[in-house]
Amino acid sequence: MYMTKANKDIIDYVVLCVGAFSERFRLSNRQAYQYLRRFGGISFLIDFYDVEHTQSIEDAVDDCAAICNRHGGALQP
C-alpha cells in the first residue's frame, strides 16, 4: 500500500501534537493518545489539519484540550 505525502504529513503532525499534549499535561504518549482519541482531539487534528498545521503546536494543544473538554474530557486547557 502506498502512502501519499499528504497522509504522511498528517500522521507526522498528529504524532507531534500528541507528544506536545503529553508534555503539557504530564501524561505518557500512550495516555495522551488515548485521551485525545476518546474525547475527539485526534479526529479534530485530522479533520482540521489544513488550518491547524499553520498555527503553533501550542495553539493546536490548546485547541485539542478545548475540544476534548467540550466532549467530556476533564483536563483543563
C-alpha atoms as a PDB file:
ATOM      1  CA  MET A   1       0.000   0.000   0.000  1.00  0.00           C
ATOM      2  CA  TYR A   2       1.267   3.432  -0.952  1.00  0.00           C
ATOM      3  CA  MET A   3       1.079   6.324   1.497  1.00  0.00           C
ATOM      4  CA  THR A   4       0.716   9.766  -0.030  1.00  0.00           C
ATOM      5  CA  LYS A   5       2.866  12.646   1.142  1.00  0.00           C
ATOM      6  CA  ALA A   6      -0.284  14.388   2.392  1.00  0.00           C
ATOM      7  CA  ASN A   7      -1.208  11.403   4.576  1.00  0.00           C
ATOM      8  CA  LYS A   8       2.343  11.153   5.902  1.00  0.00           C
ATOM      9  CA  ASP A   9       2.303  14.868   6.737  1.00  0.00           C
ATOM     10  CA  ILE A  10      -0.957  14.461   8.679  1.00  0.00           C
ATOM     11  CA  ILE A  11       0.376  11.452  10.584  1.00  0.00           C
ATOM     12  CA  ASP A  12       3.609  13.274  11.443  1.00  0.00           C
ATOM     13  CA  TYR A  13       1.618  16.301  12.625  1.00  0.00           C
ATOM     14  CA  VAL A  14      -0.713  14.222  14.815  1.00  0.00           C
ATOM     15  CA  VAL A  15       2.269  12.428  16.380  1.00  0.00           C
ATOM     16  CA  LEU A  16       3.925  15.786  17.097  1.00  0.00           C
ATOM     17  CA  CYS A  17       0.731  17.147  18.668  1.00  0.00           C
ATOM     18  CA  VAL A  18       0.228  14.050  20.825  1.00  0.00           C
ATOM     19  CA  GLY A  19       3.788  14.428  22.103  1.00  0.00           C
ATOM     20  CA  ALA A  20       3.269  18.109  22.905  1.00  0.00           C
ATOM     21  CA  PHE A  21      -0.063  17.326  24.568  1.00  0.00           C
ATOM     22  CA  SER A  22       1.562  14.623  26.695  1.00  0.00           C
ATOM     23  CA  GLU A  23       4.265  17.043  27.844  1.00  0.00           C
ATOM     24  CA  ARG A  24       1.811  19.830  28.647  1.00  0.00           C
ATOM     25  CA  PHE A  25      -0.436  17.611  30.754  1.00  0.00           C
ATOM     26  CA  ARG A  26       2.308  15.327  32.115  1.00  0.00           C
ATOM     27  CA  LEU A  27       0.922  12.176  30.543  1.00  0.00           C
ATOM     28  CA  SER A  28       2.684   9.362  28.766  1.00  0.00           C
ATOM     29  CA  ASN A  29       2.382   9.445  24.982  1.00  0.00           C
ATOM     30  CA  ARG A  30       0.037   6.484  25.219  1.00  0.00           C
ATOM     31  CA  GLN A  31      -2.184   8.181  27.798  1.00  0.00           C
ATOM     32  CA  ALA A  32      -2.263  11.367  25.745  1.00  0.00           C
ATOM     33  CA  TYR A  33      -3.190   9.477  22.578  1.00  0.00           C
ATOM     34  CA  GLN A  34      -5.937   7.522  24.348  1.00  0.00           C
ATOM     35  CA  TYR A  35      -7.361  10.691  25.891  1.00  0.00           C
ATOM     36  CA  LEU A  36      -7.287  12.578  22.586  1.00  0.00           C
ATOM     37  CA  ARG A  37      -8.817   9.618  20.773  1.00  0.00           C
ATOM     38  CA  ARG A  38     -11.592   9.177  23.339  1.00  0.00           C
ATOM     39  CA  PHE A  39     -12.614  12.840  23.501  1.00  0.00           C
ATOM     40  CA  GLY A  40     -12.272  13.842  19.829  1.00  0.00           C
ATOM     41  CA  GLY A  41      -8.872  15.503  19.725  1.00  0.00           C
ATOM     42  CA  ILE A  42      -7.352  13.134  17.165  1.00  0.00           C
ATOM     43  CA  SER A  43     -10.345  13.461  14.845  1.00  0.00           C
ATOM     44  CA  PHE A  44     -10.170  17.234  15.240  1.00  0.00           C
ATOM     45  CA  LEU A  45      -6.489  17.324  14.269  1.00  0.00           C
ATOM     46  CA  ILE A  46      -7.120  15.180  11.196  1.00  0.00           C
ATOM     47  CA  ASP A  47     -10.322  16.932  10.107  1.00  0.00           C
ATOM     48  CA  PHE A  48      -8.867  20.422  10.507  1.00  0.00           C
ATOM     49  CA  TYR A  49      -5.249  19.698   9.593  1.00  0.00           C
ATOM     50  CA  ASP A  50      -5.375  22.227   6.758  1.00  0.00           C
ATOM     51  CA  VAL A  51      -5.900  25.065   9.244  1.00  0.00           C
ATOM     52  CA  GLU A  52      -4.328  23.690  12.425  1.00  0.00           C
ATOM     53  CA  HIS A  53      -0.911  22.949  10.926  1.00  0.00           C
ATOM     54  CA  THR A  54      -0.497  26.612  10.014  1.00  0.00           C
ATOM     55  CA  GLN A  55      -0.631  27.578  13.697  1.00  0.00           C
ATOM     56  CA  SER A  56       1.809  26.881  16.505  1.00  0.00           C
ATOM     57  CA  ILE A  57       1.901  23.499  18.218  1.00  0.00           C
ATOM     58  CA  GLU A  58       0.957  25.283  21.452  1.00  0.00           C
ATOM     59  CA  ASP A  59      -2.205  26.576  19.757  1.00  0.00           C
ATOM     60  CA  ALA A  60      -3.000  23.077  18.489  1.00  0.00           C
ATOM     61  CA  VAL A  61      -2.613  21.669  22.009  1.00  0.00           C
ATOM     62  CA  ASP A  62      -4.880  24.430  23.353  1.00  0.00           C
ATOM     63  CA  ASP A  63      -7.459  23.661  20.660  1.00  0.00           C
ATOM     64  CA  CYS A  64      -7.328  19.920  21.359  1.00  0.00           C
ATOM     65  CA  ALA A  65      -7.733  20.488  25.086  1.00  0.00           C
ATOM     66  CA  ALA A  66     -10.767  22.716  24.446  1.00  0.00           C
ATOM     67  CA  ILE A  67     -12.346  20.216  22.027  1.00  0.00           C
ATOM     68  CA  CYS A  68     -11.779  17.330  24.434  1.00  0.00           C
ATOM     69  CA  ASN A  69     -13.191  19.364  27.305  1.00  0.00           C
ATOM     70  CA  ARG A  70     -16.358  20.024  25.272  1.00  0.00           C
ATOM     71  CA  HIS A  71     -16.681  16.299  24.676  1.00  0.00           C
ATOM     72  CA  GLY A  72     -16.367  15.282  28.323  1.00  0.00           C
ATOM     73  CA  GLY A  73     -12.625  15.355  28.932  1.00  0.00           C
ATOM     74  CA  ALA A  74     -11.538  16.547  32.361  1.00  0.00           C
ATOM     75  CA  LEU A  75      -8.169  18.152  31.545  1.00  0.00           C
ATOM     76  CA  GLN A  76      -8.411  21.942  31.521  1.00  0.00           C
ATOM     77  CA  PRO A  77      -6.898  23.946  28.677  1.00  0.00           C
END
